[in-house]
Amino acid sequence: MYLILKLVHILSATVLFGTGLGTAFSMWRAHSSADPHVIAVVARNVALADWWFTTPAAIVQPLTGFALVHLAGFSLSSPWLVLTLALYVFIGACWIPVVWLQLRMRDLAREAAAASQPLSPLYHRYFRIWFVLGWPAFISVLLLFGLMVLKPAL
């Protein structure tokens, strides 16, 4: 059971990281085009990827993680595990507004495309916030991977 849970945990972590990196790159490249049509389509697909892949994987991670901790006999007060949980919560705190921003950017791009207008200043403001939130979340995911693999005695 432990190895099956570990496999599911690793696969869901891979989905989280891969989807996050792929959708971030797609949004950034769409934004770089400055074409509201392109941005609207890409943002729609990014939102779908978040609902279809990221959300289920984000739910599976703590479920399998807590099961693995229990089966392996780790203490929830182990410093590496406390830091891992704190990083996971922090990543989620960055991700939730990012999803909202992506939906708003999608809608603003769709409106600009329908009106044959350039992207609004509000769209650009949302994109800057989205971009800024992505970096600490991305770095935290890398730190989280390191903690999970190395399990250092902090």
N, C-alpha and C. Protein backbone atom coordinates (compact mmCIF):
# COMPACT_ATOMS: atom_id res chain seq x y z
N MET A 1 0.82 -1.20 0.00
CA MET A 1 0.00 0.00 0.00
C MET A 1 0.87 1.27 0.00
N TYR A 2 1.96 1.20 0.77
CA TYR A 2 2.85 2.37 0.86
C TYR A 2 3.38 2.75 -0.51
N LEU A 3 3.86 1.78 -1.27
CA LEU A 3 4.45 2.07 -2.58
C LEU A 3 3.41 2.59 -3.57
N ILE A 4 2.21 2.07 -3.50
CA ILE A 4 1.13 2.58 -4.38
C ILE A 4 0.81 4.02 -4.04
N LEU A 5 0.68 4.32 -2.74
CA LEU A 5 0.43 5.71 -2.32
C LEU A 5 1.58 6.62 -2.73
N LYS A 6 2.80 6.14 -2.58
CA LYS A 6 3.97 6.94 -2.96
C LYS A 6 3.96 7.23 -4.46
N LEU A 7 3.61 6.23 -5.26
CA LEU A 7 3.51 6.43 -6.71
C LEU A 7 2.45 7.48 -7.04
N VAL A 8 1.28 7.37 -6.44
CA VAL A 8 0.20 8.34 -6.68
C VAL A 8 0.64 9.73 -6.23
N HIS A 9 1.34 9.79 -5.10
CA HIS A 9 1.83 11.08 -4.57
C HIS A 9 2.83 11.71 -5.54
N ILE A 10 3.75 10.92 -6.05
CA ILE A 10 4.75 11.42 -6.99
C ILE A 10 4.10 11.85 -8.30
N LEU A 11 3.17 11.03 -8.80
CA LEU A 11 2.48 11.38 -10.05
C LEU A 11 1.67 12.66 -9.89
N SER A 12 0.97 12.82 -8.77
CA SER A 12 0.18 14.05 -8.59
C SER A 12 1.09 15.26 -8.42
N ALA A 13 2.25 15.08 -7.79
CA ALA A 13 3.21 16.18 -7.69
C ALA A 13 3.73 16.56 -9.07
N THR A 14 3.95 15.55 -9.89
CA THR A 14 4.40 15.79 -11.25
C THR A 14 3.35 16.55 -12.05
N VAL A 15 2.10 16.15 -11.90
CA VAL A 15 1.00 16.85 -12.58
C VAL A 15 0.92 18.30 -12.10
N LEU A 16 1.02 18.51 -10.79
CA LEU A 16 0.98 19.89 -10.26
C LEU A 16 2.09 20.74 -10.85
N PHE A 17 3.30 20.23 -10.78
CA PHE A 17 4.45 21.00 -11.25
C PHE A 17 4.40 21.18 -12.76
N GLY A 18 4.15 20.11 -13.47
CA GLY A 18 4.13 20.17 -14.94
C GLY A 18 3.02 21.06 -15.47
N THR A 19 1.83 20.90 -14.92
CA THR A 19 0.72 21.74 -15.37
C THR A 19 0.99 23.20 -15.02
N GLY A 20 1.49 23.43 -13.82
CA GLY A 20 1.78 24.81 -13.41
C GLY A 20 2.82 25.47 -14.31
N LEU A 21 3.89 24.75 -14.58
CA LEU A 21 4.94 25.30 -15.44
C LEU A 21 4.44 25.48 -16.87
N GLY A 22 3.72 24.49 -17.38
CA GLY A 22 3.21 24.56 -18.75
C GLY A 22 2.19 25.68 -18.94
N THR A 23 1.28 25.81 -18.00
CA THR A 23 0.26 26.86 -18.14
C THR A 23 0.87 28.24 -17.94
N ALA A 24 1.83 28.35 -17.03
CA ALA A 24 2.49 29.65 -16.84
C ALA A 24 3.23 30.06 -18.11
N PHE A 25 3.95 29.12 -18.71
CA PHE A 25 4.66 29.43 -19.95
C PHE A 25 3.67 29.82 -21.05
N SER A 26 2.57 29.08 -21.15
CA SER A 26 1.56 29.38 -22.18
C SER A 26 0.96 30.76 -21.98
N MET A 27 0.64 31.10 -20.73
CA MET A 27 0.07 32.43 -20.47
C MET A 27 1.08 33.53 -20.78
N TRP A 28 2.32 33.32 -20.39
CA TRP A 28 3.35 34.32 -20.63
C TRP A 28 3.56 34.53 -22.13
N ARG A 29 3.61 33.43 -22.89
CA ARG A 29 3.79 33.56 -24.34
C ARG A 29 2.58 34.20 -25.00
N ALA A 30 1.38 33.86 -24.56
CA ALA A 30 0.17 34.49 -25.10
C ALA A 30 0.19 35.97 -24.80
N HIS A 31 0.54 36.33 -23.57
CA HIS A 31 0.62 37.74 -23.19
C HIS A 31 1.64 38.48 -24.06
N SER A 32 2.75 37.82 -24.32
CA SER A 32 3.80 38.44 -25.14
C SER A 32 3.33 38.75 -26.55
N SER A 33 2.32 38.03 -27.02
CA SER A 33 1.79 38.29 -28.36
C SER A 33 1.00 39.59 -28.40
N ALA A 34 0.48 40.03 -27.26
CA ALA A 34 -0.37 41.23 -27.15
C ALA A 34 -1.64 41.12 -27.99
N ASP A 35 -1.99 39.92 -28.41
CA ASP A 35 -3.18 39.69 -29.23
C ASP A 35 -4.31 39.20 -28.33
N PRO A 36 -5.35 40.02 -28.14
CA PRO A 36 -6.45 39.62 -27.25
C PRO A 36 -7.10 38.30 -27.64
N HIS A 37 -7.17 38.00 -28.94
CA HIS A 37 -7.75 36.72 -29.38
C HIS A 37 -6.91 35.54 -28.86
N VAL A 38 -5.62 35.64 -29.03
CA VAL A 38 -4.71 34.58 -28.58
C VAL A 38 -4.80 34.44 -27.07
N ILE A 39 -4.74 35.54 -26.37
CA ILE A 39 -4.78 35.51 -24.90
C ILE A 39 -6.08 34.91 -24.40
N ALA A 40 -7.20 35.27 -25.02
CA ALA A 40 -8.50 34.74 -24.61
C ALA A 40 -8.54 33.22 -24.75
N VAL A 41 -8.05 32.70 -25.86
CA VAL A 41 -8.06 31.25 -26.09
C VAL A 41 -7.11 30.54 -25.13
N VAL A 42 -5.91 31.05 -25.00
CA VAL A 42 -4.93 30.41 -24.11
C VAL A 42 -5.40 30.48 -22.66
N ALA A 43 -5.91 31.62 -22.23
CA ALA A 43 -6.38 31.75 -20.85
C ALA A 43 -7.56 30.81 -20.58
N ARG A 44 -8.41 30.61 -21.58
CA ARG A 44 -9.52 29.65 -21.41
C ARG A 44 -8.96 28.25 -21.20
N ASN A 45 -7.96 27.88 -22.00
CA ASN A 45 -7.36 26.55 -21.87
C ASN A 45 -6.58 26.40 -20.57
N VAL A 46 -5.92 27.45 -20.13
CA VAL A 46 -5.20 27.42 -18.86
C VAL A 46 -6.19 27.22 -17.71
N ALA A 47 -7.33 27.91 -17.77
CA ALA A 47 -8.35 27.74 -16.73
C ALA A 47 -8.87 26.30 -16.72
N LEU A 48 -9.07 25.73 -17.90
CA LEU A 48 -9.51 24.33 -17.97
C LEU A 48 -8.45 23.39 -17.39
N ALA A 49 -7.20 23.64 -17.70
CA ALA A 49 -6.12 22.79 -17.16
C ALA A 49 -6.08 22.88 -15.64
N ASP A 50 -6.31 24.07 -15.10
CA ASP A 50 -6.34 24.22 -13.65
C ASP A 50 -7.47 23.39 -13.03
N TRP A 51 -8.64 23.41 -13.64
CA TRP A 51 -9.77 22.66 -13.09
C TRP A 51 -9.61 21.16 -13.31
N TRP A 52 -9.12 20.75 -14.47
CA TRP A 52 -9.04 19.33 -14.80
C TRP A 52 -7.82 18.63 -14.21
N PHE A 53 -6.70 19.34 -14.09
CA PHE A 53 -5.47 18.70 -13.65
C PHE A 53 -4.96 19.22 -12.31
N THR A 54 -4.82 20.54 -12.19
CA THR A 54 -4.21 21.10 -10.99
C THR A 54 -5.08 20.88 -9.75
N THR A 55 -6.36 21.16 -9.85
CA THR A 55 -7.23 21.02 -8.68
C THR A 55 -7.27 19.58 -8.15
N PRO A 56 -7.53 18.58 -9.02
CA PRO A 56 -7.52 17.21 -8.47
C PRO A 56 -6.16 16.83 -7.87
N ALA A 57 -5.07 17.22 -8.53
CA ALA A 57 -3.74 16.88 -8.01
C ALA A 57 -3.48 17.59 -6.68
N ALA A 58 -3.97 18.82 -6.56
CA ALA A 58 -3.79 19.56 -5.31
C ALA A 58 -4.58 18.92 -4.16
N ILE A 59 -5.66 18.25 -4.47
CA ILE A 59 -6.44 17.53 -3.46
C ILE A 59 -5.76 16.21 -3.10
N VAL A 60 -5.25 15.51 -4.11
CA VAL A 60 -4.61 14.22 -3.91
C VAL A 60 -3.33 14.36 -3.08
N GLN A 61 -2.58 15.44 -3.28
CA GLN A 61 -1.30 15.61 -2.59
C GLN A 61 -1.40 15.49 -1.07
N PRO A 62 -2.22 16.28 -0.40
CA PRO A 62 -2.25 16.14 1.07
C PRO A 62 -2.86 14.80 1.52
N LEU A 63 -3.81 14.28 0.76
CA LEU A 63 -4.41 12.99 1.15
C LEU A 63 -3.37 11.88 1.13
N THR A 64 -2.63 11.78 0.03
CA THR A 64 -1.60 10.75 -0.05
C THR A 64 -0.43 11.07 0.87
N GLY A 65 -0.13 12.36 1.01
CA GLY A 65 0.98 12.76 1.89
C GLY A 65 0.73 12.38 3.33
N PHE A 66 -0.46 12.67 3.85
CA PHE A 66 -0.76 12.31 5.24
C PHE A 66 -0.80 10.79 5.41
N ALA A 67 -1.31 10.08 4.41
CA ALA A 67 -1.32 8.62 4.49
C ALA A 67 0.12 8.08 4.52
N LEU A 68 0.99 8.64 3.69
CA LEU A 68 2.39 8.21 3.67
C LEU A 68 3.08 8.51 5.00
N VAL A 69 2.82 9.68 5.54
CA VAL A 69 3.40 10.04 6.85
C VAL A 69 2.97 9.03 7.90
N HIS A 70 1.70 8.69 7.90
CA HIS A 70 1.17 7.72 8.88
C HIS A 70 1.82 6.35 8.68
N LEU A 71 1.82 5.86 7.43
CA LEU A 71 2.37 4.52 7.17
C LEU A 71 3.87 4.43 7.43
N ALA A 72 4.60 5.53 7.18
CA ALA A 72 6.05 5.53 7.38
C ALA A 72 6.42 5.78 8.84
N GLY A 73 5.45 6.24 9.64
CA GLY A 73 5.72 6.49 11.04
C GLY A 73 6.41 7.81 11.33
N PHE A 74 6.34 8.76 10.39
CA PHE A 74 6.92 10.08 10.63
C PHE A 74 6.05 10.85 11.60
N SER A 75 6.67 11.72 12.34
CA SER A 75 5.93 12.61 13.24
C SER A 75 5.51 13.86 12.47
N LEU A 76 4.25 14.27 12.66
CA LEU A 76 3.79 15.50 12.00
C LEU A 76 4.54 16.73 12.51
N SER A 77 5.24 16.60 13.63
CA SER A 77 6.01 17.73 14.15
C SER A 77 7.46 17.73 13.67
N SER A 78 7.83 16.79 12.80
CA SER A 78 9.18 16.80 12.23
C SER A 78 9.39 18.12 11.50
N PRO A 79 10.50 18.81 11.75
CA PRO A 79 10.71 20.12 11.14
C PRO A 79 10.57 20.13 9.61
N TRP A 80 11.11 19.12 8.92
CA TRP A 80 11.01 19.09 7.46
C TRP A 80 9.56 18.96 7.02
N LEU A 81 8.77 18.24 7.81
CA LEU A 81 7.38 18.05 7.45
C LEU A 81 6.55 19.30 7.76
N VAL A 82 6.85 19.95 8.87
CA VAL A 82 6.17 21.21 9.19
C VAL A 82 6.46 22.25 8.11
N LEU A 83 7.72 22.35 7.69
CA LEU A 83 8.09 23.30 6.63
C LEU A 83 7.43 22.92 5.31
N THR A 84 7.35 21.63 5.01
CA THR A 84 6.67 21.17 3.80
C THR A 84 5.21 21.60 3.80
N LEU A 85 4.54 21.39 4.91
CA LEU A 85 3.12 21.78 5.01
C LEU A 85 2.95 23.30 4.89
N ALA A 86 3.85 24.04 5.52
CA ALA A 86 3.79 25.51 5.43
C ALA A 86 3.99 25.96 3.99
N LEU A 87 4.94 25.35 3.29
CA LEU A 87 5.15 25.70 1.88
C LEU A 87 3.94 25.35 1.03
N TYR A 88 3.31 24.22 1.31
CA TYR A 88 2.13 23.80 0.54
C TYR A 88 0.99 24.81 0.73
N VAL A 89 0.80 25.25 1.95
CA VAL A 89 -0.23 26.26 2.22
C VAL A 89 0.13 27.57 1.52
N PHE A 90 1.40 27.96 1.59
CA PHE A 90 1.85 29.19 0.92
C PHE A 90 1.63 29.11 -0.59
N ILE A 91 1.98 27.97 -1.18
CA ILE A 91 1.78 27.78 -2.62
C ILE A 91 0.29 27.92 -2.95
N GLY A 92 -0.55 27.31 -2.15
CA GLY A 92 -2.00 27.42 -2.36
C GLY A 92 -2.48 28.85 -2.22
N ALA A 93 -1.89 29.59 -1.27
CA ALA A 93 -2.27 31.00 -1.08
C ALA A 93 -1.87 31.85 -2.28
N CYS A 94 -0.84 31.44 -3.00
CA CYS A 94 -0.47 32.12 -4.25
C CYS A 94 -1.35 31.66 -5.40
N TRP A 95 -1.66 30.37 -5.43
CA TRP A 95 -2.38 29.77 -6.57
C TRP A 95 -3.84 30.24 -6.65
N ILE A 96 -4.51 30.34 -5.51
CA ILE A 96 -5.93 30.72 -5.54
C ILE A 96 -6.13 32.08 -6.22
N PRO A 97 -5.39 33.13 -5.83
CA PRO A 97 -5.58 34.39 -6.56
C PRO A 97 -5.12 34.31 -8.02
N VAL A 98 -4.13 33.47 -8.31
CA VAL A 98 -3.67 33.30 -9.69
C VAL A 98 -4.80 32.76 -10.56
N VAL A 99 -5.55 31.80 -10.04
CA VAL A 99 -6.68 31.25 -10.81
C VAL A 99 -7.71 32.34 -11.07
N TRP A 100 -8.03 33.12 -10.04
CA TRP A 100 -9.00 34.21 -10.21
C TRP A 100 -8.47 35.21 -11.25
N LEU A 101 -7.21 35.56 -11.16
CA LEU A 101 -6.62 36.50 -12.12
C LEU A 101 -6.67 35.95 -13.53
N GLN A 102 -6.39 34.66 -13.69
CA GLN A 102 -6.44 34.05 -15.03
C GLN A 102 -7.85 34.14 -15.61
N LEU A 103 -8.84 33.91 -14.78
CA LEU A 103 -10.23 34.00 -15.26
C LEU A 103 -10.58 35.43 -15.65
N ARG A 104 -10.14 36.37 -14.87
CA ARG A 104 -10.40 37.78 -15.19
C ARG A 104 -9.64 38.20 -16.43
N MET A 105 -8.38 37.79 -16.58
CA MET A 105 -7.61 38.12 -17.78
C MET A 105 -8.25 37.50 -19.01
N ARG A 106 -8.74 36.28 -18.87
CA ARG A 106 -9.45 35.63 -19.98
C ARG A 106 -10.66 36.47 -20.39
N ASP A 107 -11.45 36.89 -19.42
CA ASP A 107 -12.66 37.68 -19.71
C ASP A 107 -12.31 39.03 -20.33
N LEU A 108 -11.28 39.69 -19.78
CA LEU A 108 -10.87 40.99 -20.32
C LEU A 108 -10.32 40.86 -21.73
N ALA A 109 -9.57 39.80 -21.98
CA ALA A 109 -9.04 39.56 -23.34
C ALA A 109 -10.18 39.26 -24.31
N ARG A 110 -11.14 38.48 -23.85
CA ARG A 110 -12.30 38.15 -24.70
C ARG A 110 -13.08 39.43 -25.04
N GLU A 111 -13.27 40.30 -24.06
CA GLU A 111 -13.99 41.55 -24.30
C GLU A 111 -13.22 42.45 -25.27
N ALA A 112 -11.90 42.54 -25.09
CA ALA A 112 -11.08 43.36 -25.99
C ALA A 112 -11.12 42.79 -27.41
N ALA A 113 -11.05 41.47 -27.52
CA ALA A 113 -11.09 40.85 -28.85
C ALA A 113 -12.43 41.10 -29.53
N ALA A 114 -13.52 40.97 -28.79
CA ALA A 114 -14.86 41.17 -29.36
C ALA A 114 -15.07 42.61 -29.81
N ALA A 115 -14.45 43.54 -29.11
CA ALA A 115 -14.60 44.96 -29.44
C ALA A 115 -13.49 45.46 -30.37
N SER A 116 -12.59 44.56 -30.78
CA SER A 116 -11.42 44.93 -31.59
C SER A 116 -10.65 46.09 -30.95
N GLN A 117 -10.46 45.97 -29.65
CA GLN A 117 -9.74 46.98 -28.86
C GLN A 117 -8.45 46.36 -28.30
N PRO A 118 -7.51 47.21 -27.94
CA PRO A 118 -6.31 46.68 -27.27
C PRO A 118 -6.66 46.24 -25.84
N LEU A 119 -5.76 45.53 -25.25
CA LEU A 119 -5.96 45.08 -23.87
C LEU A 119 -6.01 46.28 -22.93
N SER A 120 -6.87 46.21 -21.94
CA SER A 120 -7.07 47.33 -21.02
C SER A 120 -5.93 47.42 -20.01
N PRO A 121 -5.77 48.59 -19.40
CA PRO A 121 -4.78 48.73 -18.32
C PRO A 121 -5.06 47.75 -17.17
N LEU A 122 -6.34 47.44 -16.92
CA LEU A 122 -6.67 46.49 -15.86
C LEU A 122 -6.12 45.10 -16.20
N TYR A 123 -6.22 44.69 -17.44
CA TYR A 123 -5.65 43.40 -17.86
C TYR A 123 -4.15 43.39 -17.55
N HIS A 124 -3.45 44.46 -17.93
CA HIS A 124 -1.99 44.52 -17.71
C HIS A 124 -1.67 44.52 -16.22
N ARG A 125 -2.48 45.17 -15.41
CA ARG A 125 -2.28 45.16 -13.96
C ARG A 125 -2.44 43.74 -13.43
N TYR A 126 -3.50 43.05 -13.85
CA TYR A 126 -3.72 41.68 -13.42
C TYR A 126 -2.57 40.78 -13.85
N PHE A 127 -2.07 40.98 -15.07
CA PHE A 127 -0.96 40.15 -15.54
C PHE A 127 0.27 40.36 -14.66
N ARG A 128 0.58 41.60 -14.30
CA ARG A 128 1.74 41.86 -13.44
C ARG A 128 1.59 41.17 -12.09
N ILE A 129 0.40 41.24 -11.50
CA ILE A 129 0.17 40.57 -10.21
C ILE A 129 0.31 39.06 -10.38
N TRP A 130 -0.28 38.52 -11.46
CA TRP A 130 -0.19 37.10 -11.76
C TRP A 130 1.27 36.66 -11.86
N PHE A 131 2.06 37.44 -12.58
CA PHE A 131 3.47 37.14 -12.79
C PHE A 131 4.24 37.17 -11.46
N VAL A 132 3.97 38.18 -10.65
CA VAL A 132 4.67 38.32 -9.37
C VAL A 132 4.31 37.16 -8.42
N LEU A 133 3.05 36.75 -8.41
CA LEU A 133 2.64 35.64 -7.54
C LEU A 133 3.23 34.30 -7.98
N GLY A 134 3.51 34.18 -9.25
CA GLY A 134 4.04 32.91 -9.77
C GLY A 134 5.43 32.57 -9.27
N TRP A 135 6.28 33.57 -9.13
CA TRP A 135 7.67 33.29 -8.76
C TRP A 135 7.84 32.70 -7.37
N PRO A 136 7.27 33.28 -6.33
CA PRO A 136 7.45 32.65 -5.01
C PRO A 136 6.80 31.27 -4.94
N ALA A 137 5.70 31.08 -5.66
CA ALA A 137 5.06 29.76 -5.68
C ALA A 137 5.97 28.75 -6.37
N PHE A 138 6.55 29.11 -7.51
CA PHE A 138 7.44 28.23 -8.25
C PHE A 138 8.66 27.85 -7.41
N ILE A 139 9.29 28.83 -6.80
CA ILE A 139 10.46 28.58 -5.95
C ILE A 139 10.08 27.69 -4.77
N SER A 140 8.90 27.94 -4.20
CA SER A 140 8.44 27.13 -3.07
C SER A 140 8.20 25.68 -3.47
N VAL A 141 7.71 25.47 -4.68
CA VAL A 141 7.51 24.08 -5.16
C VAL A 141 8.87 23.39 -5.25
N LEU A 142 9.88 24.07 -5.75
CA LEU A 142 11.21 23.47 -5.83
C LEU A 142 11.74 23.14 -4.44
N LEU A 143 11.55 24.05 -3.49
CA LEU A 143 11.96 23.80 -2.11
C LEU A 143 11.20 22.61 -1.52
N LEU A 144 9.92 22.55 -1.82
CA LEU A 144 9.09 21.47 -1.33
C LEU A 144 9.57 20.12 -1.86
N PHE A 145 9.90 20.07 -3.15
CA PHE A 145 10.45 18.83 -3.72
C PHE A 145 11.73 18.43 -2.98
N GLY A 146 12.59 19.40 -2.74
CA GLY A 146 13.83 19.11 -2.02
C GLY A 146 13.57 18.56 -0.63
N LEU A 147 12.64 19.16 0.08
CA LEU A 147 12.31 18.68 1.43
C LEU A 147 11.73 17.27 1.40
N MET A 148 10.88 17.01 0.43
CA MET A 148 10.26 15.69 0.36
C MET A 148 11.27 14.59 0.02
N VAL A 149 12.22 14.91 -0.81
CA VAL A 149 13.22 13.90 -1.20
C VAL A 149 14.28 13.74 -0.12
N LEU A 150 14.80 14.87 0.41
CA LEU A 150 15.93 14.81 1.33
C LEU A 150 15.52 14.60 2.79
N LYS A 151 14.32 15.07 3.17
CA LYS A 151 13.83 14.96 4.54
C LYS A 151 14.93 15.36 5.55
N PRO A 152 15.45 16.58 5.40
CA PRO A 152 16.58 16.97 6.24
C PRO A 152 16.18 17.15 7.71
N ALA A 153 17.13 16.91 8.57
CA ALA A 153 16.93 17.17 9.99
C ALA A 153 17.28 18.63 10.22
N LEU A 154 16.27 19.48 10.17
CA LEU A 154 16.51 20.94 10.26
C LEU A 154 16.86 21.38 11.65
